Amino acid sequence: MSGPGAKTSGRYSGIGTYDAGRLWGQMAGLAAHADPAAAKLEDDEHVIVVIDSHTGEVRQCGDHSGVCVAMNPWASQGSRVATPIKLKKHASELAAEDQASSEQAAPATNDTTPSR
């Protein structure tokens, strides 16, 4: 005995919505939009992730910019795979910048002269 299959509302299924991390805004190689008022990667607050039920492709798209990154680990060579992403700065570089900023903001405490 077989019953009807699961009902779907379309080709794309939502996996979830996630906070856009710091590296999302560091993606390189994207053409600047002609309209200066258009949202940029840095404006995205969330990344919406969906899967294409026909191909298995996973897409991550910015909620304001509309920029999408696609990945399909099951695709053959030569298929449209947008990973790995090129970055303007890597996580380690951003962490080093944060460290340098916090060291500059900290008051100097190297004075070892005894007070009288």
PDB file of N, CA and C in Angstrom:
ATOM      1  N   MET A   1       0.839  -1.159   0.000  1.00  0.00           N
ATOM      2  CA  MET A   1       0.000   0.000   0.000  1.00  0.00           C
ATOM      3  C   MET A   1       0.897   1.240   0.000  1.00  0.00           C
ATOM      4  N   SER A   2       0.613   2.141  -0.878  1.00  0.00           N
ATOM      5  CA  SER A   2       1.386   3.360  -0.909  1.00  0.00           C
ATOM      6  C   SER A   2       0.451   4.550  -0.846  1.00  0.00           C
ATOM      7  N   GLY A   3       0.862   5.562  -0.124  1.00  0.00           N
ATOM      8  CA  GLY A   3       0.053   6.767   0.013  1.00  0.00           C
ATOM      9  C   GLY A   3       0.674   7.900  -0.766  1.00  0.00           C
ATOM     10  N   PRO A   4      -0.005   9.005  -0.787  1.00  0.00           N
ATOM     11  CA  PRO A   4       0.551  10.160  -1.484  1.00  0.00           C
ATOM     12  C   PRO A   4       1.826  10.635  -0.804  1.00  0.00           C
ATOM     13  N   GLY A   5       2.741  11.176  -1.605  1.00  0.00           N
ATOM     14  CA  GLY A   5       4.005  11.677  -1.072  1.00  0.00           C
ATOM     15  C   GLY A   5       3.800  12.946  -0.257  1.00  0.00           C
ATOM     16  N   ALA A   6       4.853  13.370   0.335  1.00  0.00           N
ATOM     17  CA  ALA A   6       4.795  14.586   1.145  1.00  0.00           C
ATOM     18  C   ALA A   6       4.454  15.777   0.262  1.00  0.00           C
ATOM     19  N   LYS A   7       3.632  16.649   0.780  1.00  0.00           N
ATOM     20  CA  LYS A   7       3.255  17.831   0.022  1.00  0.00           C
ATOM     21  C   LYS A   7       4.332  18.899   0.206  1.00  0.00           C
ATOM     22  N   THR A   8       4.685  19.527  -0.896  1.00  0.00           N
ATOM     23  CA  THR A   8       5.652  20.605  -0.839  1.00  0.00           C
ATOM     24  C   THR A   8       5.033  21.847  -1.442  1.00  0.00           C
ATOM     25  N   SER A   9       5.516  22.982  -1.027  1.00  0.00           N
ATOM     26  CA  SER A   9       4.968  24.230  -1.543  1.00  0.00           C
ATOM     27  C   SER A   9       5.767  24.760  -2.721  1.00  0.00           C
ATOM     28  N   GLY A  10       6.840  24.094  -3.099  1.00  0.00           N
ATOM     29  CA  GLY A  10       7.617  24.556  -4.229  1.00  0.00           C
ATOM     30  C   GLY A  10       8.962  23.870  -4.315  1.00  0.00           C
ATOM     31  N   ARG A  11       9.751  24.346  -5.235  1.00  0.00           N
ATOM     32  CA  ARG A  11      11.049  23.755  -5.501  1.00  0.00           C
ATOM     33  C   ARG A  11      12.056  24.042  -4.395  1.00  0.00           C
ATOM     34  N   TYR A  12      11.970  25.203  -3.767  1.00  0.00           N
ATOM     35  CA  TYR A  12      12.944  25.603  -2.755  1.00  0.00           C
ATOM     36  C   TYR A  12      12.374  25.432  -1.358  1.00  0.00           C
ATOM     37  N   SER A  13      13.169  24.817  -0.508  1.00  0.00           N
ATOM     38  CA  SER A  13      12.785  24.619   0.882  1.00  0.00           C
ATOM     39  C   SER A  13      13.686  25.462   1.762  1.00  0.00           C
ATOM     40  N   GLY A  14      13.099  26.117   2.727  1.00  0.00           N
ATOM     41  CA  GLY A  14      13.879  26.944   3.632  1.00  0.00           C
ATOM     42  C   GLY A  14      14.592  26.112   4.670  1.00  0.00           C
ATOM     43  N   ILE A  15      15.868  26.377   4.841  1.00  0.00           N
ATOM     44  CA  ILE A  15      16.647  25.718   5.888  1.00  0.00           C
ATOM     45  C   ILE A  15      16.634  26.592   7.127  1.00  0.00           C
ATOM     46  N   GLY A  16      16.778  27.902   6.916  1.00  0.00           N
ATOM     47  CA  GLY A  16      16.760  28.786   8.059  1.00  0.00           C
ATOM     48  C   GLY A  16      17.234  30.182   7.724  1.00  0.00           C
ATOM     49  N   THR A  17      17.162  31.028   8.729  1.00  0.00           N
ATOM     50  CA  THR A  17      17.635  32.398   8.641  1.00  0.00           C
ATOM     51  C   THR A  17      18.661  32.577   9.751  1.00  0.00           C
ATOM     52  N   TYR A  18      19.819  33.120   9.388  1.00  0.00           N
ATOM     53  CA  TYR A  18      20.923  33.233  10.325  1.00  0.00           C
ATOM     54  C   TYR A  18      21.449  34.667  10.333  1.00  0.00           C
ATOM     55  N   ASP A  19      22.036  35.071  11.442  1.00  0.00           N
ATOM     56  CA  ASP A  19      22.681  36.383  11.485  1.00  0.00           C
ATOM     57  C   ASP A  19      23.821  36.407  10.480  1.00  0.00           C
ATOM     58  N   ALA A  20      23.945  37.510   9.777  1.00  0.00           N
ATOM     59  CA  ALA A  20      25.065  37.663   8.844  1.00  0.00           C
ATOM     60  C   ALA A  20      26.323  37.883   9.680  1.00  0.00           C
ATOM     61  N   GLY A  21      27.283  37.029   9.538  1.00  0.00           N
ATOM     62  CA  GLY A  21      28.530  37.166  10.285  1.00  0.00           C
ATOM     63  C   GLY A  21      29.420  38.244   9.675  1.00  0.00           C
ATOM     64  N   ARG A  22      30.508  38.525  10.336  1.00  0.00           N
ATOM     65  CA  ARG A  22      31.435  39.556   9.865  1.00  0.00           C
ATOM     66  C   ARG A  22      32.004  39.245   8.492  1.00  0.00           C
ATOM     67  N   LEU A  23      32.240  37.979   8.202  1.00  0.00           N
ATOM     68  CA  LEU A  23      32.838  37.621   6.920  1.00  0.00           C
ATOM     69  C   LEU A  23      31.869  37.768   5.756  1.00  0.00           C
ATOM     70  N   TRP A  24      30.563  37.778   6.021  1.00  0.00           N
ATOM     71  CA  TRP A  24      29.589  37.961   4.945  1.00  0.00           C
ATOM     72  C   TRP A  24      29.862  39.281   4.228  1.00  0.00           C
ATOM     73  N   GLY A  25      30.132  40.320   4.961  1.00  0.00           N
ATOM     74  CA  GLY A  25      30.396  41.634   4.374  1.00  0.00           C
ATOM     75  C   GLY A  25      31.769  41.765   3.747  1.00  0.00           C
ATOM     76  N   GLN A  26      32.617  40.746   3.884  1.00  0.00           N
ATOM     77  CA  GLN A  26      33.970  40.781   3.338  1.00  0.00           C
ATOM     78  C   GLN A  26      34.087  40.069   1.994  1.00  0.00           C
ATOM     79  N   MET A  27      32.978  39.587   1.434  1.00  0.00           N
ATOM     80  CA  MET A  27      33.064  38.894   0.145  1.00  0.00           C
ATOM     81  C   MET A  27      33.597  39.842  -0.923  1.00  0.00           C
ATOM     82  N   ALA A  28      34.529  39.346  -1.702  1.00  0.00           N
ATOM     83  CA  ALA A  28      35.176  40.149  -2.744  1.00  0.00           C
ATOM     84  C   ALA A  28      34.680  39.732  -4.117  1.00  0.00           C
ATOM     85  N   GLY A  29      34.942  40.601  -5.086  1.00  0.00           N
ATOM     86  CA  GLY A  29      34.659  40.272  -6.468  1.00  0.00           C
ATOM     87  C   GLY A  29      33.247  40.563  -6.915  1.00  0.00           C
ATOM     88  N   LEU A  30      32.474  41.271  -6.114  1.00  0.00           N
ATOM     89  CA  LEU A  30      31.115  41.609  -6.503  1.00  0.00           C
ATOM     90  C   LEU A  30      31.103  42.995  -7.143  1.00  0.00           C
ATOM     91  N   ALA A  31      30.384  43.127  -8.217  1.00  0.00           N
ATOM     92  CA  ALA A  31      30.282  44.426  -8.891  1.00  0.00           C
ATOM     93  C   ALA A  31      29.442  45.374  -8.047  1.00  0.00           C
ATOM     94  N   ALA A  32      29.878  46.620  -7.975  1.00  0.00           N
ATOM     95  CA  ALA A  32      29.126  47.631  -7.231  1.00  0.00           C
ATOM     96  C   ALA A  32      27.833  47.937  -7.980  1.00  0.00           C
ATOM     97  N   HIS A  33      26.763  48.094  -7.253  1.00  0.00           N
ATOM     98  CA  HIS A  33      25.474  48.410  -7.859  1.00  0.00           C
ATOM     99  C   HIS A  33      25.479  49.854  -8.343  1.00  0.00           C
ATOM    100  N   ALA A  34      24.845  50.112  -9.470  1.00  0.00           N
ATOM    101  CA  ALA A  34      24.815  51.458 -10.058  1.00  0.00           C
ATOM    102  C   ALA A  34      24.054  52.448  -9.180  1.00  0.00           C
ATOM    103  N   ASP A  35      23.068  51.977  -8.442  1.00  0.00           N
ATOM    104  CA  ASP A  35      22.277  52.850  -7.577  1.00  0.00           C
ATOM    105  C   ASP A  35      22.962  52.970  -6.220  1.00  0.00           C
ATOM    106  N   PRO A  36      23.433  54.162  -5.839  1.00  0.00           N
ATOM    107  CA  PRO A  36      24.130  54.309  -4.558  1.00  0.00           C
ATOM    108  C   PRO A  36      23.248  54.018  -3.348  1.00  0.00           C
ATOM    109  N   ALA A  37      21.928  54.050  -3.524  1.00  0.00           N
ATOM    110  CA  ALA A  37      21.024  53.764  -2.414  1.00  0.00           C
ATOM    111  C   ALA A  37      20.776  52.263  -2.245  1.00  0.00           C
ATOM    112  N   ALA A  38      21.252  51.448  -3.190  1.00  0.00           N
ATOM    113  CA  ALA A  38      21.041  49.996  -3.116  1.00  0.00           C
ATOM    114  C   ALA A  38      21.811  49.407  -1.939  1.00  0.00           C
ATOM    115  N   ALA A  39      21.210  48.431  -1.284  1.00  0.00           N
ATOM    116  CA  ALA A  39      21.847  47.776  -0.143  1.00  0.00           C
ATOM    117  C   ALA A  39      23.116  47.055  -0.579  1.00  0.00           C
ATOM    118  N   LYS A  40      24.106  47.063   0.310  1.00  0.00           N
ATOM    119  CA  LYS A  40      25.383  46.384   0.086  1.00  0.00           C
ATOM    120  C   LYS A  40      25.471  45.199   1.033  1.00  0.00           C
ATOM    121  N   LEU A  41      26.484  44.374   0.832  1.00  0.00           N
ATOM    122  CA  LEU A  41      26.690  43.213   1.719  1.00  0.00           C
ATOM    123  C   LEU A  41      26.729  43.632   3.183  1.00  0.00           C
ATOM    124  N   GLU A  42      27.381  44.752   3.450  1.00  0.00           N
ATOM    125  CA  GLU A  42      27.539  45.217   4.824  1.00  0.00           C
ATOM    126  C   GLU A  42      26.199  45.584   5.453  1.00  0.00           C
ATOM    127  N   ASP A  43      25.167  45.799   4.626  1.00  0.00           N
ATOM    128  CA  ASP A  43      23.836  46.157   5.127  1.00  0.00           C
ATOM    129  C   ASP A  43      22.997  44.944   5.502  1.00  0.00           C
ATOM    130  N   ASP A  44      23.399  43.764   5.062  1.00  0.00           N
ATOM    131  CA  ASP A  44      22.628  42.558   5.373  1.00  0.00           C
ATOM    132  C   ASP A  44      22.680  42.280   6.867  1.00  0.00           C
ATOM    133  N   GLU A  45      21.507  42.054   7.433  1.00  0.00           N
ATOM    134  CA  GLU A  45      21.424  41.689   8.847  1.00  0.00           C
ATOM    135  C   GLU A  45      21.276  40.181   9.012  1.00  0.00           C
ATOM    136  N   HIS A  46      20.703  39.538   7.991  1.00  0.00           N
ATOM    137  CA  HIS A  46      20.471  38.101   8.048  1.00  0.00           C
ATOM    138  C   HIS A  46      20.830  37.457   6.720  1.00  0.00           C
ATOM    139  N   VAL A  47      21.127  36.177   6.786  1.00  0.00           N
ATOM    140  CA  VAL A  47      21.368  35.364   5.602  1.00  0.00           C
ATOM    141  C   VAL A  47      20.264  34.306   5.586  1.00  0.00           C
ATOM    142  N   ILE A  48      19.564  34.247   4.466  1.00  0.00           N
ATOM    143  CA  ILE A  48      18.474  33.290   4.300  1.00  0.00           C
ATOM    144  C   ILE A  48      19.034  32.102   3.515  1.00  0.00           C
ATOM    145  N   VAL A  49      18.848  30.914   4.037  1.00  0.00           N
ATOM    146  CA  VAL A  49      19.408  29.712   3.416  1.00  0.00           C
ATOM    147  C   VAL A  49      18.266  28.822   2.927  1.00  0.00           C
ATOM    148  N   VAL A  50      18.367  28.432   1.640  1.00  0.00           N
ATOM    149  CA  VAL A  50      17.372  27.541   1.038  1.00  0.00           C
ATOM    150  C   VAL A  50      18.092  26.427   0.295  1.00  0.00           C
ATOM    151  N   ILE A  51      17.373  25.332   0.069  1.00  0.00           N
ATOM    152  CA  ILE A  51      17.900  24.226  -0.724  1.00  0.00           C
ATOM    153  C   ILE A  51      16.974  24.007  -1.909  1.00  0.00           C
ATOM    154  N   ASP A  52      17.566  23.776  -3.062  1.00  0.00           N
ATOM    155  CA  ASP A  52      16.829  23.467  -4.284  1.00  0.00           C
ATOM    156  C   ASP A  52      16.551  21.967  -4.251  1.00  0.00           C
ATOM    157  N   SER A  53      15.293  21.596  -4.125  1.00  0.00           N
ATOM    158  CA  SER A  53      14.944  20.178  -3.991  1.00  0.00           C
ATOM    159  C   SER A  53      15.189  19.389  -5.271  1.00  0.00           C
ATOM    160  N   HIS A  54      15.372  20.063  -6.406  1.00  0.00           N
ATOM    161  CA  HIS A  54      15.633  19.349  -7.657  1.00  0.00           C
ATOM    162  C   HIS A  54      17.116  19.043  -7.854  1.00  0.00           C
ATOM    163  N   THR A  55      17.984  19.958  -7.433  1.00  0.00           N
ATOM    164  CA  THR A  55      19.423  19.795  -7.697  1.00  0.00           C
ATOM    165  C   THR A  55      20.261  19.548  -6.457  1.00  0.00           C
ATOM    166  N   GLY A  56      19.749  19.846  -5.284  1.00  0.00           N
ATOM    167  CA  GLY A  56      20.528  19.733  -4.057  1.00  0.00           C
ATOM    168  C   GLY A  56      21.365  20.965  -3.775  1.00  0.00           C
ATOM    169  N   GLU A  57      21.291  21.968  -4.646  1.00  0.00           N
ATOM    170  CA  GLU A  57      22.066  23.192  -4.455  1.00  0.00           C
ATOM    171  C   GLU A  57      21.567  23.948  -3.227  1.00  0.00           C
ATOM    172  N   VAL A  58      22.513  24.420  -2.420  1.00  0.00           N
ATOM    173  CA  VAL A  58      22.197  25.222  -1.246  1.00  0.00           C
ATOM    174  C   VAL A  58      22.541  26.661  -1.578  1.00  0.00           C
ATOM    175  N   ARG A  59      21.630  27.577  -1.310  1.00  0.00           N
ATOM    176  CA  ARG A  59      21.857  28.993  -1.563  1.00  0.00           C
ATOM    177  C   ARG A  59      21.752  29.769  -0.263  1.00  0.00           C
ATOM    178  N   GLN A  60      22.695  30.679  -0.101  1.00  0.00           N
ATOM    179  CA  GLN A  60      22.688  31.595   1.032  1.00  0.00           C
ATOM    180  C   GLN A  60      22.527  32.990   0.448  1.00  0.00           C
ATOM    181  N   CYS A  61      21.499  33.721   0.876  1.00  0.00           N
ATOM    182  CA  CYS A  61      21.212  35.028   0.288  1.00  0.00           C
ATOM    183  C   CYS A  61      21.061  36.086   1.373  1.00  0.00           C
ATOM    184  N   GLY A  62      21.651  37.252   1.113  1.00  0.00           N
ATOM    185  CA  GLY A  62      21.533  38.368   2.039  1.00  0.00           C
ATOM    186  C   GLY A  62      20.124  38.929   2.036  1.00  0.00           C
ATOM    187  N   ASP A  63      19.629  39.313   3.210  1.00  0.00           N
ATOM    188  CA  ASP A  63      18.247  39.763   3.313  1.00  0.00           C
ATOM    189  C   ASP A  63      18.002  41.149   2.729  1.00  0.00           C
ATOM    190  N   HIS A  64      18.999  41.999   2.649  1.00  0.00           N
ATOM    191  CA  HIS A  64      18.813  43.327   2.066  1.00  0.00           C
ATOM    192  C   HIS A  64      19.484  43.460   0.708  1.00  0.00           C
ATOM    193  N   SER A  65      20.695  42.935   0.575  1.00  0.00           N
ATOM    194  CA  SER A  65      21.445  43.082  -0.677  1.00  0.00           C
ATOM    195  C   SER A  65      20.925  42.167  -1.777  1.00  0.00           C
ATOM    196  N   GLY A  66      20.370  41.024  -1.381  1.00  0.00           N
ATOM    197  CA  GLY A  66      19.918  40.054  -2.366  1.00  0.00           C
ATOM    198  C   GLY A  66      21.048  39.238  -2.974  1.00  0.00           C
ATOM    199  N   VAL A  67      22.273  39.443  -2.512  1.00  0.00           N
ATOM    200  CA  VAL A  67      23.419  38.688  -3.017  1.00  0.00           C
ATOM    201  C   VAL A  67      23.304  37.252  -2.522  1.00  0.00           C
ATOM    202  N   CYS A  68      23.472  36.310  -3.453  1.00  0.00           N
ATOM    203  CA  CYS A  68      23.379  34.893  -3.111  1.00  0.00           C
ATOM    204  C   CYS A  68      24.681  34.168  -3.429  1.00  0.00           C
ATOM    205  N   VAL A  69      25.015  33.223  -2.589  1.00  0.00           N
ATOM    206  CA  VAL A  69      26.149  32.338  -2.787  1.00  0.00           C
ATOM    207  C   VAL A  69      25.569  30.938  -2.911  1.00  0.00           C
ATOM    208  N   ALA A  70      25.978  30.232  -3.952  1.00  0.00           N
ATOM    209  CA  ALA A  70      25.448  28.892  -4.193  1.00  0.00           C
ATOM    210  C   ALA A  70      26.534  27.855  -4.007  1.00  0.00           C
ATOM    211  N   MET A  71      26.129  26.695  -3.491  1.00  0.00           N
ATOM    212  CA  MET A  71      27.062  25.592  -3.303  1.00  0.00           C
ATOM    213  C   MET A  71      26.323  24.296  -3.593  1.00  0.00           C
ATOM    214  N   ASN A  72      26.958  23.442  -4.376  1.00  0.00           N
ATOM    215  CA  ASN A  72      26.386  22.141  -4.646  1.00  0.00           C
ATOM    216  C   ASN A  72      27.503  21.110  -4.628  1.00  0.00           C
ATOM    217  N   PRO A  73      27.713  20.476  -3.475  1.00  0.00           N
ATOM    218  CA  PRO A  73      28.808  19.500  -3.383  1.00  0.00           C
ATOM    219  C   PRO A  73      28.593  18.258  -4.236  1.00  0.00           C
ATOM    220  N   TRP A  74      27.380  18.054  -4.766  1.00  0.00           N
ATOM    221  CA  TRP A  74      27.097  16.884  -5.584  1.00  0.00           C
ATOM    222  C   TRP A  74      27.261  17.160  -7.070  1.00  0.00           C
ATOM    223  N   ALA A  75      27.525  18.414  -7.435  1.00  0.00           N
ATOM    224  CA  ALA A  75      27.648  18.776  -8.848  1.00  0.00           C
ATOM    225  C   ALA A  75      28.976  18.279  -9.400  1.00  0.00           C
ATOM    226  N   SER A  76      28.975  17.968 -10.678  1.00  0.00           N
ATOM    227  CA  SER A  76      30.214  17.558 -11.322  1.00  0.00           C
ATOM    228  C   SER A  76      31.083  18.778 -11.576  1.00  0.00           C
ATOM    229  N   GLN A  77      32.352  18.543 -11.863  1.00  0.00           N
ATOM    230  CA  GLN A  77      33.255  19.649 -12.168  1.00  0.00           C
ATOM    231  C   GLN A  77      32.706  20.441 -13.336  1.00  0.00           C
ATOM    232  N   GLY A  78      32.869  21.739 -13.294  1.00  0.00           N
ATOM    233  CA  GLY A  78      32.387  22.587 -14.370  1.00  0.00           C
ATOM    234  C   GLY A  78      30.986  23.116 -14.124  1.00  0.00           C
ATOM    235  N   SER A  79      30.299  22.587 -13.131  1.00  0.00           N
ATOM    236  CA  SER A  79      28.980  23.104 -12.802  1.00  0.00           C
ATOM    237  C   SER A  79      29.132  24.412 -12.040  1.00  0.00           C
ATOM    238  N   ARG A  80      28.024  25.128 -11.907  1.00  0.00           N
ATOM    239  CA  ARG A  80      28.057  26.422 -11.227  1.00  0.00           C
ATOM    240  C   ARG A  80      28.210  26.217  -9.720  1.00  0.00           C
ATOM    241  N   VAL A  81      29.421  26.352  -9.261  1.00  0.00           N
ATOM    242  CA  VAL A  81      29.711  26.264  -7.835  1.00  0.00           C
ATOM    243  C   VAL A  81      30.459  27.527  -7.457  1.00  0.00           C
ATOM    244  N   ALA A  82      29.935  28.269  -6.518  1.00  0.00           N
ATOM    245  CA  ALA A  82      30.496  29.564  -6.175  1.00  0.00           C
ATOM    246  C   ALA A  82      31.398  29.515  -4.949  1.00  0.00           C
ATOM    247  N   THR A  83      31.878  28.348  -4.585  1.00  0.00           N
ATOM    248  CA  THR A  83      32.746  28.274  -3.421  1.00  0.00           C
ATOM    249  C   THR A  83      34.101  27.745  -3.858  1.00  0.00           C
ATOM    250  N   PRO A  84      35.202  28.023  -3.221  1.00  0.00           N
ATOM    251  CA  PRO A  84      35.272  28.893  -2.052  1.00  0.00           C
ATOM    252  C   PRO A  84      35.129  30.370  -2.441  1.00  0.00           C
ATOM    253  N   ILE A  85      34.609  31.116  -1.522  1.00  0.00           N
ATOM    254  CA  ILE A  85      34.394  32.549  -1.701  1.00  0.00           C
ATOM    255  C   ILE A  85      35.718  33.271  -1.501  1.00  0.00           C
ATOM    256  N   LYS A  86      35.970  34.275  -2.308  1.00  0.00           N
ATOM    257  CA  LYS A  86      37.143  35.132  -2.098  1.00  0.00           C
ATOM    258  C   LYS A  86      36.748  36.246  -1.140  1.00  0.00           C
ATOM    259  N   LEU A  87      37.635  36.539  -0.197  1.00  0.00           N
ATOM    260  CA  LEU A  87      37.352  37.532   0.833  1.00  0.00           C
ATOM    261  C   LEU A  87      38.314  38.706   0.751  1.00  0.00           C
ATOM    262  N   LYS A  88      37.824  39.894   1.106  1.00  0.00           N
ATOM    263  CA  LYS A  88      38.677  41.080   1.211  1.00  0.00           C
ATOM    264  C   LYS A  88      39.600  40.938   2.418  1.00  0.00           C
ATOM    265  N   LYS A  89      39.059  40.432   3.520  1.00  0.00           N
ATOM    266  CA  LYS A  89      39.817  40.171   4.743  1.00  0.00           C
ATOM    267  C   LYS A  89      39.338  38.847   5.320  1.00  0.00           C
ATOM    268  N   HIS A  90      40.266  38.097   5.890  1.00  0.00           N
ATOM    269  CA  HIS A  90      39.936  36.820   6.511  1.00  0.00           C
ATOM    270  C   HIS A  90      39.661  37.031   7.998  1.00  0.00           C
ATOM    271  N   ALA A  91      39.068  36.023   8.621  1.00  0.00           N
ATOM    272  CA  ALA A  91      38.708  36.109  10.037  1.00  0.00           C
ATOM    273  C   ALA A  91      39.919  36.433  10.904  1.00  0.00           C
ATOM    274  N   SER A  92      41.064  35.849  10.610  1.00  0.00           N
ATOM    275  CA  SER A  92      42.267  36.103  11.409  1.00  0.00           C
ATOM    276  C   SER A  92      42.709  37.558  11.294  1.00  0.00           C
ATOM    277  N   GLU A  93      42.542  38.154  10.108  1.00  0.00           N
ATOM    278  CA  GLU A  93      42.906  39.557   9.928  1.00  0.00           C
ATOM    279  C   GLU A  93      41.954  40.474  10.689  1.00  0.00           C
ATOM    280  N   LEU A  94      40.669  40.157  10.687  1.00  0.00           N
ATOM    281  CA  LEU A  94      39.704  40.949  11.443  1.00  0.00           C
ATOM    282  C   LEU A  94      39.969  40.833  12.941  1.00  0.00           C
ATOM    283  N   ALA A  95      40.330  39.637  13.399  1.00  0.00           N
ATOM    284  CA  ALA A  95      40.646  39.443  14.819  1.00  0.00           C
ATOM    285  C   ALA A  95      41.884  40.246  15.209  1.00  0.00           C
ATOM    286  N   ALA A  96      42.898  40.277  14.336  1.00  0.00           N
ATOM    287  CA  ALA A  96      44.111  41.055  14.613  1.00  0.00           C
ATOM    288  C   ALA A  96      43.787  42.544  14.667  1.00  0.00           C
ATOM    289  N   GLU A  97      42.911  43.014  13.790  1.00  0.00           N
ATOM    290  CA  GLU A  97      42.498  44.418  13.824  1.00  0.00           C
ATOM    291  C   GLU A  97      41.766  44.740  15.117  1.00  0.00           C
ATOM    292  N   ASP A  98      40.893  43.819  15.559  1.00  0.00           N
ATOM    293  CA  ASP A  98      40.182  44.019  16.823  1.00  0.00           C
ATOM    294  C   ASP A  98      41.167  44.099  17.984  1.00  0.00           C
ATOM    295  N   GLN A  99      42.153  43.214  17.985  1.00  0.00           N
ATOM    296  CA  GLN A  99      43.160  43.197  19.039  1.00  0.00           C
ATOM    297  C   GLN A  99      43.941  44.498  19.059  1.00  0.00           C
ATOM    298  N   ALA A 100      44.367  44.968  17.890  1.00  0.00           N
ATOM    299  CA  ALA A 100      45.125  46.216  17.797  1.00  0.00           C
ATOM    300  C   ALA A 100      44.288  47.398  18.274  1.00  0.00           C
ATOM    301  N   SER A 101      43.016  47.401  17.934  1.00  0.00           N
ATOM    302  CA  SER A 101      42.128  48.489  18.363  1.00  0.00           C
ATOM    303  C   SER A 101      41.957  48.500  19.868  1.00  0.00           C
ATOM    304  N   SER A 102      41.802  47.321  20.465  1.00  0.00           N
ATOM    305  CA  SER A 102      41.615  47.265  21.913  1.00  0.00           C
ATOM    306  C   SER A 102      42.893  47.644  22.647  1.00  0.00           C
ATOM    307  N   GLU A 103      44.056  47.318  22.064  1.00  0.00           N
ATOM    308  CA  GLU A 103      45.320  47.701  22.696  1.00  0.00           C
ATOM    309  C   GLU A 103      45.525  49.212  22.620  1.00  0.00           C
ATOM    310  N   GLN A 104      45.099  49.833  21.531  1.00  0.00           N
ATOM    311  CA  GLN A 104      45.222  51.280  21.392  1.00  0.00           C
ATOM    312  C   GLN A 104      44.268  51.997  22.340  1.00  0.00           C
ATOM    313  N   ALA A 105      43.123  51.411  22.594  1.00  0.00           N
ATOM    314  CA  ALA A 105      42.120  52.031  23.450  1.00  0.00           C
ATOM    315  C   ALA A 105      42.459  51.884  24.926  1.00  0.00           C
ATOM    316  N   ALA A 106      43.266  50.880  25.277  1.00  0.00           N
ATOM    317  CA  ALA A 106      43.617  50.650  26.682  1.00  0.00           C
ATOM    318  C   ALA A 106      44.593  51.725  27.146  1.00  0.00           C
ATOM    319  N   PRO A 107      44.423  52.207  28.379  1.00  0.00           N
ATOM    320  CA  PRO A 107      45.350  53.224  28.890  1.00  0.00           C
ATOM    321  C   PRO A 107      46.747  52.640  29.094  1.00  0.00           C
ATOM    322  N   ALA A 108      47.755  53.460  28.903  1.00  0.00           N
ATOM    323  CA  ALA A 108      49.133  53.021  29.092  1.00  0.00           C
ATOM    324  C   ALA A 108      49.381  52.781  30.567  1.00  0.00           C
ATOM    325  N   THR A 109      49.866  51.578  30.914  1.00  0.00           N
ATOM    326  CA  THR A 109      50.148  51.227  32.303  1.00  0.00           C
ATOM    327  C   THR A 109      51.591  50.744  32.450  1.00  0.00           C
ATOM    328  N   ASN A 110      52.480  51.231  31.583  1.00  0.00           N
ATOM    329  CA  ASN A 110      53.871  50.776  31.601  1.00  0.00           C
ATOM    330  C   ASN A 110      54.764  51.624  32.495  1.00  0.00           C
ATOM    331  N   ASP A 111      54.233  52.594  33.202  1.00  0.00           N
ATOM    332  CA  ASP A 111      55.028  53.470  34.052  1.00  0.00           C
ATOM    333  C   ASP A 111      55.426  52.715  35.298  1.00  0.00           C
ATOM    334  N   THR A 112      56.737  52.400  35.426  1.00  0.00           N
ATOM    335  CA  THR A 112      57.231  51.637  36.559  1.00  0.00           C
ATOM    336  C   THR A 112      57.989  52.517  37.546  1.00  0.00           C
ATOM    337  N   THR A 113      57.930  53.823  37.352  1.00  0.00           N
ATOM    338  CA  THR A 113      58.611  54.745  38.245  1.00  0.00           C
ATOM    339  C   THR A 113      57.866  54.765  39.577  1.00  0.00           C
ATOM    340  N   PRO A 114      58.607  54.480  40.676  1.00  0.00           N
ATOM    341  CA  PRO A 114      57.932  54.508  41.988  1.00  0.00           C
ATOM    342  C   PRO A 114      57.582  55.957  42.370  1.00  0.00           C
ATOM    343  N   SER A 115      56.435  56.123  42.968  1.00  0.00           N
ATOM    344  CA  SER A 115      56.021  57.464  43.413  1.00  0.00           C
ATOM    345  C   SER A 115      56.514  57.711  44.814  1.00  0.00           C
ATOM    346  N   ARG A 116      56.843  58.965  45.111  1.00  0.00           N
ATOM    347  CA  ARG A 116      57.353  59.311  46.467  1.00  0.00           C
ATOM    348  C   ARG A 116      56.392  60.151  47.197  1.00  0.00           C
TER     349      ARG A 116
END
